[in-house]
N, C-alpha and C. Protein backbone atom coordinates (compact mmCIF):
# COMPACT_ATOMS: atom_id res chain seq x y z
N MET A 1 0.88 -1.18 0.00
CA MET A 1 0.00 0.00 0.00
C MET A 1 0.90 1.21 0.00
N SER A 2 0.55 2.13 -0.85
CA SER A 2 1.37 3.32 -0.99
C SER A 2 1.09 4.29 0.13
N GLU A 3 2.03 5.15 0.43
CA GLU A 3 1.89 6.14 1.49
C GLU A 3 0.78 7.13 1.21
N ALA A 4 0.53 7.41 -0.08
CA ALA A 4 -0.51 8.39 -0.45
C ALA A 4 -1.89 7.89 -0.11
N ASN A 5 -2.04 6.52 -0.16
CA ASN A 5 -3.37 5.95 0.10
C ASN A 5 -3.56 5.52 1.54
N SER A 6 -2.65 5.86 2.48
CA SER A 6 -2.74 5.42 3.88
C SER A 6 -3.94 6.09 4.56
N PRO A 7 -4.74 5.28 5.27
CA PRO A 7 -5.92 5.84 5.96
C PRO A 7 -5.58 6.57 7.25
N LEU A 8 -4.34 6.46 7.72
CA LEU A 8 -3.97 7.10 8.96
C LEU A 8 -3.96 8.61 8.81
N LYS A 9 -4.49 9.29 9.83
CA LYS A 9 -4.54 10.75 9.79
C LYS A 9 -3.47 11.31 10.69
N GLY A 10 -3.01 12.44 10.36
CA GLY A 10 -2.01 13.12 11.16
C GLY A 10 -2.67 13.89 12.28
N PRO A 11 -1.90 14.66 13.05
CA PRO A 11 -2.44 15.47 14.14
C PRO A 11 -3.46 16.50 13.64
N ALA A 12 -4.44 16.88 14.56
CA ALA A 12 -5.49 17.82 14.16
C ALA A 12 -4.89 19.15 13.75
N SER A 13 -5.49 19.73 12.77
CA SER A 13 -5.01 21.00 12.26
C SER A 13 -5.42 22.14 13.19
N LYS A 14 -4.87 23.33 13.03
CA LYS A 14 -5.21 24.50 13.82
C LYS A 14 -6.68 24.87 13.63
N THR A 15 -7.18 24.67 12.41
CA THR A 15 -8.59 25.00 12.13
C THR A 15 -9.52 24.12 12.93
N ASP A 16 -9.19 22.80 13.00
CA ASP A 16 -10.03 21.88 13.78
C ASP A 16 -10.02 22.27 15.26
N ARG A 17 -8.83 22.62 15.78
CA ARG A 17 -8.76 23.00 17.19
C ARG A 17 -9.57 24.26 17.47
N ARG A 18 -9.55 25.22 16.54
CA ARG A 18 -10.32 26.44 16.71
C ARG A 18 -11.82 26.15 16.74
N ARG A 19 -12.23 25.19 15.85
CA ARG A 19 -13.65 24.83 15.84
C ARG A 19 -14.06 24.19 17.17
N GLU A 20 -13.19 23.33 17.73
CA GLU A 20 -13.50 22.72 19.01
C GLU A 20 -13.62 23.77 20.11
N ILE A 21 -12.71 24.74 20.10
CA ILE A 21 -12.74 25.81 21.11
C ILE A 21 -14.02 26.62 20.97
N LYS A 22 -14.43 26.93 19.75
CA LYS A 22 -15.66 27.70 19.54
C LYS A 22 -16.88 26.95 20.03
N TRP A 23 -16.94 25.64 19.77
CA TRP A 23 -18.08 24.86 20.24
C TRP A 23 -18.12 24.80 21.76
N ASP A 24 -16.95 24.71 22.38
CA ASP A 24 -16.91 24.74 23.84
C ASP A 24 -17.45 26.06 24.37
N ALA A 25 -17.10 27.17 23.72
CA ALA A 25 -17.57 28.49 24.14
C ALA A 25 -19.09 28.59 23.97
N VAL A 26 -19.59 28.07 22.84
CA VAL A 26 -21.03 28.10 22.59
C VAL A 26 -21.78 27.29 23.64
N ALA A 27 -21.23 26.11 23.96
CA ALA A 27 -21.87 25.27 24.98
C ALA A 27 -21.89 25.97 26.33
N ALA A 28 -20.80 26.67 26.66
CA ALA A 28 -20.74 27.40 27.93
C ALA A 28 -21.76 28.53 27.96
N ILE A 29 -21.89 29.22 26.83
CA ILE A 29 -22.87 30.31 26.75
C ILE A 29 -24.29 29.78 26.90
N ILE A 30 -24.57 28.66 26.22
CA ILE A 30 -25.91 28.07 26.31
C ILE A 30 -26.22 27.63 27.74
N ALA A 31 -25.20 27.00 28.37
CA ALA A 31 -25.40 26.56 29.75
C ALA A 31 -25.67 27.75 30.67
N SER A 32 -24.93 28.84 30.47
CA SER A 32 -25.15 30.05 31.28
C SER A 32 -26.53 30.62 31.04
N PHE A 33 -26.95 30.62 29.78
CA PHE A 33 -28.26 31.15 29.44
C PHE A 33 -29.37 30.31 30.07
N VAL A 34 -29.21 28.98 30.00
CA VAL A 34 -30.19 28.08 30.61
C VAL A 34 -30.25 28.31 32.12
N GLY A 35 -29.07 28.48 32.75
CA GLY A 35 -29.04 28.76 34.18
C GLY A 35 -29.71 30.07 34.52
N PHE A 36 -29.50 31.10 33.66
CA PHE A 36 -30.13 32.40 33.88
C PHE A 36 -31.65 32.30 33.76
N LEU A 37 -32.12 31.54 32.77
CA LEU A 37 -33.55 31.33 32.60
C LEU A 37 -34.14 30.61 33.82
N ALA A 38 -33.41 29.60 34.32
CA ALA A 38 -33.88 28.88 35.50
C ALA A 38 -33.98 29.81 36.71
N LEU A 39 -33.01 30.72 36.82
CA LEU A 39 -33.03 31.70 37.90
C LEU A 39 -34.23 32.63 37.78
N LEU A 40 -34.50 33.07 36.55
CA LEU A 40 -35.66 33.93 36.32
C LEU A 40 -36.97 33.22 36.66
N VAL A 41 -37.07 31.96 36.24
CA VAL A 41 -38.28 31.19 36.52
C VAL A 41 -38.47 31.01 38.02
N ALA A 42 -37.37 30.70 38.73
CA ALA A 42 -37.45 30.52 40.17
C ALA A 42 -37.87 31.82 40.86
N GLY A 43 -37.28 32.95 40.41
CA GLY A 43 -37.64 34.24 40.99
C GLY A 43 -39.09 34.60 40.72
N TYR A 44 -39.55 34.36 39.50
CA TYR A 44 -40.94 34.66 39.14
C TYR A 44 -41.90 33.78 39.94
N THR A 45 -41.54 32.50 40.10
CA THR A 45 -42.38 31.59 40.88
C THR A 45 -42.49 32.05 42.33
N ALA A 46 -41.35 32.48 42.90
CA ALA A 46 -41.36 32.97 44.28
C ALA A 46 -42.21 34.23 44.39
N TYR A 47 -42.13 35.12 43.38
CA TYR A 47 -42.94 36.34 43.39
C TYR A 47 -44.42 36.01 43.31
N ILE A 48 -44.79 35.08 42.45
CA ILE A 48 -46.20 34.68 42.31
C ILE A 48 -46.71 34.07 43.60
N GLN A 49 -45.88 33.24 44.24
CA GLN A 49 -46.30 32.61 45.49
C GLN A 49 -46.50 33.65 46.59
N ARG A 50 -45.55 34.61 46.66
CA ARG A 50 -45.68 35.65 47.66
C ARG A 50 -46.89 36.53 47.39
N TYR A 51 -47.10 36.87 46.11
CA TYR A 51 -48.25 37.70 45.74
C TYR A 51 -49.56 36.98 46.06
N THR A 52 -49.60 35.69 45.76
CA THR A 52 -50.79 34.89 46.04
C THR A 52 -51.05 34.82 47.54
N ALA A 53 -49.96 34.64 48.31
CA ALA A 53 -50.10 34.59 49.77
C ALA A 53 -50.61 35.91 50.32
N GLU A 54 -50.12 37.04 49.76
CA GLU A 54 -50.57 38.35 50.21
C GLU A 54 -52.05 38.55 49.89
N ILE A 55 -52.46 38.12 48.71
CA ILE A 55 -53.87 38.23 48.31
C ILE A 55 -54.74 37.40 49.25
N GLN A 56 -54.29 36.18 49.54
CA GLN A 56 -55.06 35.32 50.44
C GLN A 56 -55.15 35.92 51.84
N THR A 57 -54.03 36.51 52.31
CA THR A 57 -54.02 37.13 53.63
C THR A 57 -55.00 38.30 53.67
N LYS A 58 -54.99 39.13 52.62
CA LYS A 58 -55.89 40.27 52.57
C LYS A 58 -57.36 39.81 52.50
N GLN A 59 -57.59 38.71 51.81
CA GLN A 59 -58.95 38.19 51.73
C GLN A 59 -59.43 37.73 53.11
N VAL A 60 -58.55 37.05 53.83
CA VAL A 60 -58.90 36.59 55.18
C VAL A 60 -59.12 37.79 56.10
N GLN A 61 -58.23 38.80 55.98
CA GLN A 61 -58.38 40.00 56.80
C GLN A 61 -59.71 40.70 56.51
N ALA A 62 -60.07 40.74 55.23
CA ALA A 62 -61.33 41.39 54.86
C ALA A 62 -62.54 40.63 55.41
N GLN A 63 -62.39 39.31 55.55
CA GLN A 63 -63.51 38.49 56.02
C GLN A 63 -63.74 38.63 57.52
N VAL A 64 -62.73 39.11 58.26
CA VAL A 64 -62.88 39.24 59.72
C VAL A 64 -62.72 40.69 60.17
N TRP A 65 -62.88 41.63 59.25
CA TRP A 65 -62.65 43.05 59.54
C TRP A 65 -63.79 43.65 60.36
N PRO A 66 -63.52 44.16 61.58
CA PRO A 66 -64.55 44.82 62.38
C PRO A 66 -64.48 46.34 62.19
N TRP A 67 -65.56 47.02 62.52
CA TRP A 67 -65.59 48.49 62.39
C TRP A 67 -66.60 49.05 63.39
N LEU A 68 -66.09 49.62 64.47
CA LEU A 68 -66.96 50.14 65.52
C LEU A 68 -67.28 51.61 65.33
N VAL A 69 -68.51 51.96 65.62
CA VAL A 69 -68.94 53.36 65.67
C VAL A 69 -69.85 53.52 66.88
N ALA A 70 -69.85 54.70 67.45
CA ALA A 70 -70.73 55.01 68.58
C ALA A 70 -71.68 56.12 68.17
N GLY A 71 -72.89 56.08 68.69
CA GLY A 71 -73.86 57.12 68.32
C GLY A 71 -75.05 57.12 69.25
N ASN A 72 -75.74 58.23 69.26
CA ASN A 72 -76.95 58.33 70.07
C ASN A 72 -78.15 57.84 69.27
N ASN A 73 -79.08 57.24 69.95
CA ASN A 73 -80.33 56.78 69.35
C ASN A 73 -81.47 57.46 70.09
N ASP A 74 -81.97 58.55 69.51
CA ASP A 74 -83.01 59.33 70.17
C ASP A 74 -84.30 58.53 70.36
N ASN A 75 -84.56 57.62 69.43
CA ASN A 75 -85.79 56.82 69.54
C ASN A 75 -85.73 55.86 70.73
N GLU A 76 -84.53 55.35 71.00
CA GLU A 76 -84.35 54.40 72.09
C GLU A 76 -83.85 55.07 73.37
N LEU A 77 -83.65 56.39 73.33
CA LEU A 77 -83.14 57.15 74.49
C LEU A 77 -81.82 56.55 74.98
N SER A 78 -80.92 56.31 74.05
CA SER A 78 -79.71 55.58 74.42
C SER A 78 -78.50 56.07 73.65
N VAL A 79 -77.34 55.67 74.13
CA VAL A 79 -76.09 55.78 73.39
C VAL A 79 -75.67 54.36 73.04
N GLU A 80 -75.36 54.13 71.77
CA GLU A 80 -75.10 52.78 71.30
C GLU A 80 -73.72 52.67 70.66
N VAL A 81 -73.17 51.49 70.73
CA VAL A 81 -71.95 51.15 69.99
C VAL A 81 -72.32 50.04 69.03
N LEU A 82 -71.99 50.25 67.76
CA LEU A 82 -72.40 49.32 66.71
C LEU A 82 -71.17 48.81 65.97
N ASN A 83 -71.14 47.51 65.71
CA ASN A 83 -70.10 46.92 64.87
C ASN A 83 -70.62 46.83 63.44
N LYS A 84 -70.13 47.72 62.59
CA LYS A 84 -70.59 47.76 61.20
C LYS A 84 -69.70 46.92 60.29
N GLY A 85 -68.74 46.22 60.87
CA GLY A 85 -67.84 45.40 60.07
C GLY A 85 -68.41 44.02 59.79
N VAL A 86 -67.55 43.15 59.23
CA VAL A 86 -67.98 41.80 58.86
C VAL A 86 -67.38 40.74 59.77
N GLY A 87 -66.61 41.16 60.77
CA GLY A 87 -66.01 40.23 61.71
C GLY A 87 -66.19 40.71 63.13
N PRO A 88 -65.93 39.85 64.12
CA PRO A 88 -66.09 40.25 65.52
C PRO A 88 -65.12 41.36 65.90
N ALA A 89 -65.59 42.26 66.76
CA ALA A 89 -64.75 43.33 67.31
C ALA A 89 -64.48 43.01 68.77
N ILE A 90 -63.21 42.77 69.09
CA ILE A 90 -62.82 42.45 70.45
C ILE A 90 -62.36 43.73 71.14
N VAL A 91 -63.17 44.24 72.04
CA VAL A 91 -62.85 45.50 72.73
C VAL A 91 -61.78 45.22 73.78
N ARG A 92 -60.64 45.91 73.63
CA ARG A 92 -59.50 45.73 74.54
C ARG A 92 -59.46 46.80 75.62
N SER A 93 -59.90 48.00 75.29
CA SER A 93 -59.88 49.07 76.28
C SER A 93 -60.86 50.16 75.86
N ALA A 94 -61.28 50.96 76.85
CA ALA A 94 -62.18 52.08 76.57
C ALA A 94 -61.88 53.21 77.55
N GLN A 95 -62.12 54.43 77.10
CA GLN A 95 -61.96 55.61 77.94
C GLN A 95 -63.10 56.58 77.64
N VAL A 96 -63.60 57.21 78.69
CA VAL A 96 -64.61 58.26 78.56
C VAL A 96 -64.14 59.45 79.41
N PHE A 97 -64.12 60.62 78.80
CA PHE A 97 -63.65 61.83 79.48
C PHE A 97 -64.77 62.85 79.59
N VAL A 98 -64.91 63.41 80.77
CA VAL A 98 -65.81 64.54 80.99
C VAL A 98 -64.95 65.74 81.37
N ASP A 99 -65.04 66.79 80.57
CA ASP A 99 -64.22 67.99 80.78
C ASP A 99 -62.73 67.64 80.90
N GLY A 100 -62.32 66.68 80.08
CA GLY A 100 -60.91 66.30 80.03
C GLY A 100 -60.47 65.34 81.11
N LYS A 101 -61.38 64.91 82.00
CA LYS A 101 -61.01 64.01 83.09
C LYS A 101 -61.57 62.61 82.82
N PRO A 102 -60.75 61.59 82.92
CA PRO A 102 -61.21 60.21 82.66
C PRO A 102 -62.20 59.75 83.73
N GLN A 103 -63.20 59.01 83.30
CA GLN A 103 -64.24 58.51 84.20
C GLN A 103 -64.20 56.98 84.23
N PRO A 104 -64.41 56.38 85.41
CA PRO A 104 -64.30 54.92 85.52
C PRO A 104 -65.55 54.16 85.09
N ASP A 105 -66.72 54.83 85.10
CA ASP A 105 -67.96 54.13 84.75
C ASP A 105 -69.05 55.17 84.50
N TRP A 106 -70.25 54.68 84.10
CA TRP A 106 -71.34 55.60 83.76
C TRP A 106 -71.85 56.36 84.98
N GLN A 107 -71.80 55.75 86.13
CA GLN A 107 -72.24 56.44 87.33
C GLN A 107 -71.43 57.71 87.54
N HIS A 108 -70.13 57.61 87.38
CA HIS A 108 -69.27 58.78 87.53
C HIS A 108 -69.48 59.78 86.39
N VAL A 109 -69.72 59.27 85.18
CA VAL A 109 -69.99 60.16 84.04
C VAL A 109 -71.23 61.00 84.32
N LEU A 110 -72.28 60.36 84.75
CA LEU A 110 -73.54 61.07 85.00
C LEU A 110 -73.40 62.08 86.13
N LYS A 111 -72.66 61.71 87.17
CA LYS A 111 -72.43 62.66 88.26
C LYS A 111 -71.62 63.85 87.79
N ALA A 112 -70.58 63.57 86.99
CA ALA A 112 -69.72 64.65 86.48
C ALA A 112 -70.51 65.59 85.56
N LEU A 113 -71.47 65.03 84.83
CA LEU A 113 -72.30 65.85 83.95
C LEU A 113 -73.41 66.56 84.72
N GLY A 114 -73.67 66.13 85.94
CA GLY A 114 -74.75 66.73 86.72
C GLY A 114 -76.11 66.31 86.23
N THR A 115 -76.19 65.10 85.65
CA THR A 115 -77.47 64.66 85.06
C THR A 115 -77.83 63.26 85.55
N LEU A 116 -77.58 62.97 86.81
CA LEU A 116 -77.89 61.65 87.34
C LEU A 116 -79.39 61.41 87.26
N PRO A 117 -79.83 60.44 86.45
CA PRO A 117 -81.27 60.24 86.23
C PRO A 117 -81.90 59.38 87.34
N HIS A 118 -83.19 59.32 87.30
CA HIS A 118 -83.90 58.49 88.26
C HIS A 118 -83.70 57.01 87.95
N GLN A 119 -83.67 56.67 86.66
CA GLN A 119 -83.54 55.27 86.29
C GLN A 119 -82.85 55.18 84.93
N TYR A 120 -81.92 54.27 84.84
CA TYR A 120 -81.24 54.01 83.56
C TYR A 120 -80.66 52.59 83.61
N SER A 121 -80.33 52.08 82.45
CA SER A 121 -79.69 50.77 82.36
C SER A 121 -78.41 50.91 81.55
N GLN A 122 -77.53 49.95 81.71
CA GLN A 122 -76.27 50.01 80.99
C GLN A 122 -75.84 48.61 80.58
N ALA A 123 -75.03 48.57 79.53
CA ALA A 123 -74.49 47.30 79.04
C ALA A 123 -72.97 47.39 79.04
N THR A 124 -72.33 46.26 79.19
CA THR A 124 -70.87 46.24 79.26
C THR A 124 -70.25 46.51 77.90
N LEU A 125 -69.35 47.47 77.86
CA LEU A 125 -68.59 47.76 76.65
C LEU A 125 -67.17 47.22 76.76
N ASN A 126 -66.58 47.44 77.93
CA ASN A 126 -65.20 47.02 78.15
C ASN A 126 -65.10 46.14 79.38
N PRO A 127 -64.74 44.85 79.21
CA PRO A 127 -64.43 44.17 77.95
C PRO A 127 -65.70 43.60 77.31
N ASN A 128 -65.64 43.40 76.02
CA ASN A 128 -66.78 42.82 75.31
C ASN A 128 -66.32 42.39 73.92
N VAL A 129 -67.11 41.55 73.30
CA VAL A 129 -66.90 41.15 71.91
C VAL A 129 -68.20 41.40 71.17
N LEU A 130 -68.14 42.26 70.15
CA LEU A 130 -69.33 42.59 69.37
C LEU A 130 -69.29 41.84 68.05
N THR A 131 -70.30 41.05 67.80
CA THR A 131 -70.41 40.33 66.55
C THR A 131 -70.82 41.29 65.43
N PRO A 132 -70.67 40.90 64.16
CA PRO A 132 -71.07 41.78 63.07
C PRO A 132 -72.53 42.20 63.18
N ASP A 133 -72.77 43.49 63.01
CA ASP A 133 -74.10 44.10 63.08
C ASP A 133 -74.68 44.12 64.49
N GLU A 134 -73.89 43.74 65.48
CA GLU A 134 -74.40 43.80 66.86
C GLU A 134 -74.39 45.24 67.35
N LYS A 135 -75.45 45.61 68.02
CA LYS A 135 -75.61 46.96 68.55
C LYS A 135 -75.79 46.86 70.06
N VAL A 136 -74.90 47.55 70.78
CA VAL A 136 -74.94 47.49 72.24
C VAL A 136 -75.37 48.85 72.78
N PRO A 137 -76.52 48.93 73.47
CA PRO A 137 -76.92 50.19 74.13
C PRO A 137 -76.11 50.34 75.42
N VAL A 138 -74.98 51.04 75.33
CA VAL A 138 -74.09 51.11 76.48
C VAL A 138 -74.71 51.87 77.65
N ILE A 139 -75.62 52.80 77.35
CA ILE A 139 -76.43 53.42 78.40
C ILE A 139 -77.78 53.79 77.79
N GLN A 140 -78.83 53.51 78.55
CA GLN A 140 -80.20 53.76 78.07
C GLN A 140 -81.03 54.33 79.21
N PHE A 141 -81.79 55.36 78.89
CA PHE A 141 -82.57 56.07 79.91
C PHE A 141 -84.03 55.65 79.85
N ALA A 142 -84.64 55.61 81.02
CA ALA A 142 -86.06 55.26 81.10
C ALA A 142 -86.95 56.47 80.85
N ASP A 143 -86.43 57.66 81.15
CA ASP A 143 -87.23 58.88 81.02
C ASP A 143 -86.66 59.77 79.92
N LYS A 144 -87.55 60.29 79.08
CA LYS A 144 -87.12 61.11 77.95
C LYS A 144 -86.46 62.40 78.41
N ASP A 145 -86.98 63.02 79.46
CA ASP A 145 -86.38 64.26 79.95
C ASP A 145 -84.98 64.03 80.50
N ASP A 146 -84.78 62.89 81.18
CA ASP A 146 -83.44 62.56 81.66
C ASP A 146 -82.46 62.41 80.50
N TYR A 147 -82.93 61.77 79.44
CA TYR A 147 -82.09 61.59 78.25
C TYR A 147 -81.75 62.93 77.62
N LYS A 148 -82.72 63.81 77.53
CA LYS A 148 -82.47 65.12 76.92
C LYS A 148 -81.46 65.93 77.74
N ARG A 149 -81.54 65.85 79.05
CA ARG A 149 -80.58 66.56 79.90
C ARG A 149 -79.18 65.98 79.71
N PHE A 150 -79.13 64.66 79.66
CA PHE A 150 -77.84 64.00 79.44
C PHE A 150 -77.25 64.42 78.09
N ARG A 151 -78.05 64.38 77.07
CA ARG A 151 -77.56 64.72 75.74
C ARG A 151 -77.07 66.16 75.68
N ALA A 152 -77.81 67.09 76.26
CA ALA A 152 -77.42 68.50 76.23
C ALA A 152 -76.10 68.71 76.97
N ALA A 153 -75.93 68.04 78.10
CA ALA A 153 -74.69 68.19 78.86
C ALA A 153 -73.52 67.50 78.15
N ALA A 154 -73.81 66.37 77.51
CA ALA A 154 -72.75 65.62 76.83
C ALA A 154 -72.16 66.40 75.66
N VAL A 155 -72.99 67.16 74.96
CA VAL A 155 -72.50 67.93 73.82
C VAL A 155 -71.38 68.88 74.23
N THR A 156 -71.48 69.43 75.43
CA THR A 156 -70.49 70.39 75.91
C THR A 156 -69.38 69.76 76.72
N HIS A 157 -69.72 68.77 77.53
CA HIS A 157 -68.76 68.31 78.55
C HIS A 157 -68.20 66.91 78.31
N LEU A 158 -68.88 66.09 77.53
CA LEU A 158 -68.34 64.75 77.24
C LEU A 158 -67.33 64.91 76.10
N THR A 159 -66.08 65.11 76.48
CA THR A 159 -65.09 65.63 75.52
C THR A 159 -64.38 64.58 74.69
N LEU A 160 -64.33 63.34 75.16
CA LEU A 160 -63.58 62.34 74.39
C LEU A 160 -64.01 60.93 74.78
N VAL A 161 -64.17 60.10 73.76
CA VAL A 161 -64.40 58.67 73.97
C VAL A 161 -63.40 57.91 73.11
N ASN A 162 -62.63 57.03 73.74
CA ASN A 162 -61.69 56.16 73.02
C ASN A 162 -62.12 54.71 73.20
N ILE A 163 -62.17 53.97 72.11
CA ILE A 163 -62.43 52.53 72.16
C ILE A 163 -61.37 51.84 71.31
N CYS A 164 -60.54 51.03 71.93
CA CYS A 164 -59.55 50.28 71.17
C CYS A 164 -60.04 48.85 71.03
N TYR A 165 -60.05 48.35 69.81
CA TYR A 165 -60.57 47.01 69.55
C TYR A 165 -59.73 46.31 68.51
N CYS A 166 -59.85 44.98 68.46
CA CYS A 166 -59.02 44.17 67.55
C CYS A 166 -59.89 43.15 66.83
N SER A 167 -59.37 42.67 65.72
CA SER A 167 -60.01 41.58 65.00
C SER A 167 -59.52 40.24 65.56
N THR A 168 -60.07 39.16 65.07
CA THR A 168 -59.63 37.84 65.50
C THR A 168 -58.24 37.50 64.99
N LEU A 169 -57.72 38.28 64.05
CA LEU A 169 -56.36 38.08 63.55
C LEU A 169 -55.34 38.93 64.30
N GLY A 170 -55.82 39.73 65.27
CA GLY A 170 -54.90 40.54 66.05
C GLY A 170 -54.64 41.93 65.49
N GLU A 171 -55.31 42.29 64.39
CA GLU A 171 -55.22 43.67 63.90
C GLU A 171 -56.07 44.57 64.80
N CYS A 172 -55.56 45.76 65.10
CA CYS A 172 -56.24 46.62 66.07
C CYS A 172 -56.49 48.01 65.51
N TRP A 173 -57.53 48.66 66.06
CA TRP A 173 -57.90 50.00 65.65
C TRP A 173 -58.30 50.80 66.89
N MET A 174 -58.17 52.12 66.77
CA MET A 174 -58.60 53.02 67.84
C MET A 174 -59.73 53.91 67.30
N TYR A 175 -60.89 53.77 67.94
CA TYR A 175 -62.00 54.67 67.64
C TYR A 175 -61.91 55.84 68.61
N SER A 176 -61.84 57.05 68.09
CA SER A 176 -61.77 58.25 68.92
C SER A 176 -62.85 59.22 68.49
N ASP A 177 -63.71 59.56 69.41
CA ASP A 177 -64.79 60.51 69.13
C ASP A 177 -64.62 61.69 70.08
N LYS A 178 -64.18 62.80 69.54
CA LYS A 178 -63.92 63.99 70.36
C LYS A 178 -65.17 64.88 70.43
N HIS A 179 -65.34 65.46 71.58
CA HIS A 179 -66.44 66.41 71.81
C HIS A 179 -67.80 65.74 71.66
N ALA A 180 -68.03 64.75 72.51
CA ALA A 180 -69.33 64.12 72.70
C ALA A 180 -69.56 62.93 71.80
N VAL A 181 -69.79 61.81 72.42
CA VAL A 181 -70.05 60.58 71.68
C VAL A 181 -71.42 60.67 70.99
N GLY A 182 -71.40 60.31 69.71
CA GLY A 182 -72.64 60.18 68.99
C GLY A 182 -73.27 61.48 68.54
N TYR A 183 -72.65 62.60 68.80
CA TYR A 183 -73.23 63.87 68.39
C TYR A 183 -72.37 64.44 67.26
N LYS A 184 -72.62 65.66 66.86
CA LYS A 184 -71.85 66.24 65.76
C LYS A 184 -70.45 66.55 66.25
N SER A 185 -69.61 65.55 66.23
CA SER A 185 -68.27 65.68 66.79
C SER A 185 -67.36 66.45 65.85
N LEU A 186 -66.38 67.11 66.44
CA LEU A 186 -65.41 67.84 65.64
C LEU A 186 -64.45 66.89 64.95
N ALA A 187 -64.20 65.77 65.55
CA ALA A 187 -63.31 64.79 64.92
C ALA A 187 -63.74 63.40 65.35
N GLN A 188 -64.08 62.58 64.39
CA GLN A 188 -64.48 61.21 64.66
C GLN A 188 -63.65 60.31 63.76
N LEU A 189 -62.73 59.56 64.38
CA LEU A 189 -61.75 58.84 63.59
C LEU A 189 -61.63 57.39 64.04
N VAL A 190 -61.38 56.52 63.09
CA VAL A 190 -60.95 55.15 63.37
C VAL A 190 -59.61 54.98 62.69
N THR A 191 -58.58 54.74 63.48
CA THR A 191 -57.23 54.64 62.94
C THR A 191 -56.60 53.32 63.37
N PRO A 192 -55.83 52.68 62.47
CA PRO A 192 -55.15 51.45 62.85
C PRO A 192 -54.02 51.71 63.85
N VAL A 193 -53.84 50.78 64.77
CA VAL A 193 -52.75 50.86 65.74
C VAL A 193 -52.07 49.50 65.80
N ASP A 194 -50.80 49.50 66.19
CA ASP A 194 -50.06 48.24 66.27
C ASP A 194 -50.68 47.31 67.31
N GLN A 195 -51.07 47.86 68.42
CA GLN A 195 -51.75 47.12 69.47
C GLN A 195 -52.45 48.10 70.40
N CYS A 196 -53.41 47.61 71.13
CA CYS A 196 -54.12 48.48 72.07
C CYS A 196 -53.19 48.82 73.23
N PRO A 197 -53.17 50.08 73.65
CA PRO A 197 -52.25 50.49 74.70
C PRO A 197 -52.63 49.91 76.06
N LYS A 198 -51.62 49.69 76.88
CA LYS A 198 -51.85 49.28 78.27
C LYS A 198 -52.04 50.55 79.10
N LEU A 199 -53.25 50.74 79.57
CA LEU A 199 -53.61 51.98 80.25
C LEU A 199 -53.54 51.81 81.76
N PRO A 200 -53.21 52.89 82.46
CA PRO A 200 -53.28 52.86 83.94
C PRO A 200 -54.72 52.63 84.39
N ASP A 201 -54.87 52.01 85.54
CA ASP A 201 -56.20 51.68 86.04
C ASP A 201 -57.08 52.91 86.22
N ASP A 202 -56.47 54.04 86.56
CA ASP A 202 -57.27 55.23 86.87
C ASP A 202 -57.79 55.98 85.64
N VAL A 203 -57.46 55.49 84.44
CA VAL A 203 -57.99 56.15 83.23
C VAL A 203 -58.84 55.19 82.39
N ILE A 204 -59.06 53.98 82.90
CA ILE A 204 -59.82 52.98 82.14
C ILE A 204 -61.31 53.09 82.47
N PHE A 205 -62.13 53.03 81.43
CA PHE A 205 -63.58 52.99 81.59
C PHE A 205 -64.01 51.54 81.72
N ASN A 206 -64.64 51.18 82.85
CA ASN A 206 -64.88 49.78 83.16
C ASN A 206 -66.34 49.36 83.01
N ASN A 207 -67.09 50.03 82.18
CA ASN A 207 -68.48 49.63 81.90
C ASN A 207 -68.57 49.13 80.48
């Protein structure tokens, strides 16, 4: 067999080696690109999961959201606290001020207002749990004239009512009604708070 027809090949040429190097570079680029895509997919999946969890949390919060308001009911001769929300309102603390001074109960409120009636009834506000649409007549008068005297004095002297309450998830709000509960108040606000404050015994309303 002649040397010209020998099937044996010599060492790889420079061109072949360059082609091998280029293919290695392409493979490395593809691998990096695939890894980058995997990273993007993982990040997007984590974002979707977190977004879904936030939506679910907000839905649950909306399902147990309480909303307290206080107001006078002239037909019932009473002052009422109503839960207008869709979840239970857990009352953690309450305060009632007459002329800027905290009162411990309705008996002291009525004495401070100078309108102690012949007969009245009261319901517990603090502590209490108000279910959705529950209305609590926190004080109710038997006599219309007694109620009118109370209302007239409250407009001027019942200066602040605070009710701090929470949902079953532990979210809390402060209801503050300045310048007479249930009347044309100058400021009536419900604001979220991190938690209900721990109040000294001498400023807590215990009715």
